[in-house]
C-alpha atoms as a PDB file:
ATOM      1  CA  MET A   1      54.404  52.864 103.932  1.00  0.00           C
ATOM      2  CA  SER A   2      52.937  56.347 103.859  1.00  0.00           C
ATOM      3  CA  TYR A   3      53.709  58.935 106.370  1.00  0.00           C
ATOM      4  CA  PRO A   4      51.535  61.770 107.351  1.00  0.00           C
ATOM      5  CA  ARG A   5      52.677  65.053 106.007  1.00  0.00           C
ATOM      6  CA  THR A   6      52.752  68.656 106.303  1.00  0.00           C
ATOM      7  CA  VAL A   7      53.032  70.761 103.221  1.00  0.00           C
ATOM      8  CA  VAL A   8      54.731  74.105 103.386  1.00  0.00           C
ATOM      9  CA  ASP A   9      54.085  76.302 100.315  1.00  0.00           C
ATOM     10  CA  LEU A  10      56.879  78.763  99.616  1.00  0.00           C
ATOM     11  CA  ALA A  11      55.300  80.344  96.626  1.00  0.00           C
ATOM     12  CA  GLY A  12      54.906  83.723  98.272  1.00  0.00           C
ATOM     13  CA  VAL A  13      58.278  83.820 100.054  1.00  0.00           C
ATOM     14  CA  PRO A  14      60.436  86.249  97.928  1.00  0.00           C
ATOM     15  CA  PHE A  15      63.367  85.900 100.482  1.00  0.00           C
ATOM     16  CA  CYS A  16      64.500  83.402 102.978  1.00  0.00           C
ATOM     17  CA  ASP A  17      67.459  83.909 105.487  1.00  0.00           C
ATOM     18  CA  CYS A  18      69.071  81.971 108.269  1.00  0.00           C
ATOM     19  CA  THR A  19      66.083  82.704 110.549  1.00  0.00           C
ATOM     20  CA  GLY A  20      63.724  81.351 107.916  1.00  0.00           C
ATOM     21  CA  LEU A  21      65.724  78.298 107.341  1.00  0.00           C
ATOM     22  CA  SER A  22      66.000  77.638 111.059  1.00  0.00           C
ATOM     23  CA  ALA A  23      62.259  77.767 111.499  1.00  0.00           C
ATOM     24  CA  LEU A  24      61.898  75.127 108.488  1.00  0.00           C
ATOM     25  CA  LEU A  25      64.527  72.894 110.067  1.00  0.00           C
ATOM     26  CA  ALA A  26      62.910  72.938 113.387  1.00  0.00           C
ATOM     27  CA  ALA A  27      59.610  72.288 111.795  1.00  0.00           C
ATOM     28  CA  SER A  28      61.134  69.418 109.986  1.00  0.00           C
ATOM     29  CA  ARG A  29      62.657  68.003 113.086  1.00  0.00           C
ATOM     30  CA  ARG A  30      59.405  68.207 114.798  1.00  0.00           C
ATOM     31  CA  ALA A  31      57.636  66.376 112.151  1.00  0.00           C
ATOM     32  CA  ARG A  32      60.153  63.606 112.070  1.00  0.00           C
ATOM     33  CA  GLU A  33      59.640  63.124 115.945  1.00  0.00           C
ATOM     34  CA  ARG A  34      56.043  62.737 115.309  1.00  0.00           C
ATOM     35  CA  GLY A  35      56.636  60.262 112.556  1.00  0.00           C
ATOM     36  CA  ALA A  36      55.552  62.828 109.679  1.00  0.00           C
ATOM     37  CA  VAL A  37      57.302  64.404 106.784  1.00  0.00           C
ATOM     38  CA  LEU A  38      57.660  68.078 106.164  1.00  0.00           C
ATOM     39  CA  TRP A  39      57.297  68.890 102.072  1.00  0.00           C
ATOM     40  CA  LEU A  40      58.229  71.967 100.650  1.00  0.00           C
ATOM     41  CA  ARG A  41      56.199  73.240  97.653  1.00  0.00           C
ATOM     42  CA  SER A  42      56.998  75.826  95.267  1.00  0.00           C
ATOM     43  CA  VAL A  43      60.355  76.749  96.375  1.00  0.00           C
ATOM     44  CA  PRO A  44      61.668  79.945  94.937  1.00  0.00           C
ATOM     45  CA  TYR A  45      65.161  80.214  93.582  1.00  0.00           C
ATOM     46  CA  ALA A  46      66.532  82.082  96.602  1.00  0.00           C
ATOM     47  CA  ALA A  47      65.329  79.592  99.097  1.00  0.00           C
ATOM     48  CA  ALA A  48      66.379  76.591  96.959  1.00  0.00           C
ATOM     49  CA  ARG A  49      69.974  78.265  96.824  1.00  0.00           C
ATOM     50  CA  LEU A  50      70.038  78.808 100.524  1.00  0.00           C
ATOM     51  CA  LEU A  51      69.167  75.119 101.032  1.00  0.00           C
ATOM     52  CA  ARG A  52      71.929  74.070  98.523  1.00  0.00           C
ATOM     53  CA  LEU A  53      74.536  76.402  99.956  1.00  0.00           C
ATOM     54  CA  THR A  54      73.887  75.139 103.521  1.00  0.00           C
ATOM     55  CA  HIS A  55      73.637  71.561 102.670  1.00  0.00           C
ATOM     56  CA  THR A  56      70.266  71.233 104.271  1.00  0.00           C
ATOM     57  CA  ARG A  57      68.225  70.287 101.220  1.00  0.00           C
ATOM     58  CA  ASN A  58      68.065  66.727 102.433  1.00  0.00           C
ATOM     59  CA  ALA A  59      66.194  67.781 105.505  1.00  0.00           C
ATOM     60  CA  PHE A  60      62.995  68.160 103.544  1.00  0.00           C
ATOM     61  CA  THR A  61      61.028  66.379 100.675  1.00  0.00           C
ATOM     62  CA  ILE A  62      60.796  68.905  97.861  1.00  0.00           C
ATOM     63  CA  GLU A  63      57.924  68.752  95.396  1.00  0.00           C
ATOM     64  CA  SER A  64      59.143  69.289  91.847  1.00  0.00           C
ATOM     65  CA  ARG A  65      57.827  72.242  89.760  1.00  0.00           C
ATOM     66  CA  HIS A  66      55.702  70.018  87.599  1.00  0.00           C
ATOM     67  CA  CYS A  67      52.939  68.825  90.010  1.00  0.00           C
ATOM     68  CA  ASN A  68      49.481  68.853  88.970  1.00  0.00           C
ATOM     69  CA  PRO A  69      46.417  69.001  91.158  1.00  0.00           C
ATOM     70  CA  GLY A  70      44.976  65.397  91.431  1.00  0.00           C
ATOM     71  CA  LYS A  71      48.064  63.683  90.212  1.00  0.00           C
ATOM     72  CA  ALA A  72      51.090  62.422  91.978  1.00  0.00           C
ATOM     73  CA  CYS A  73      53.891  64.734  92.268  1.00  0.00           C
ATOM     74  CA  GLN A  74      57.371  63.806  91.146  1.00  0.00           C
ATOM     75  CA  LEU A  75      59.543  64.252  94.324  1.00  0.00           C
ATOM     76  CA  THR A  76      63.177  64.994  94.794  1.00  0.00           C
ATOM     77  CA  ARG A  77      65.146  64.223  97.743  1.00  0.00           C
END
């Protein structure tokens, strides 16, 4: 079964603090309420570290770094 998705590209985000994380978690929660999935793309090291340290990584579907346009991405959960 395929779910609608919203993709958030974090490539241009040099820093993410608890306010940014809170916004992402709220967006993920709203997406789930509507039967959709929030994907994170191009997650920078600082944001990935924040997700890991706060144990919130599983709230999102995260595209791997090896996604090519037009091809299926390997996803980590």
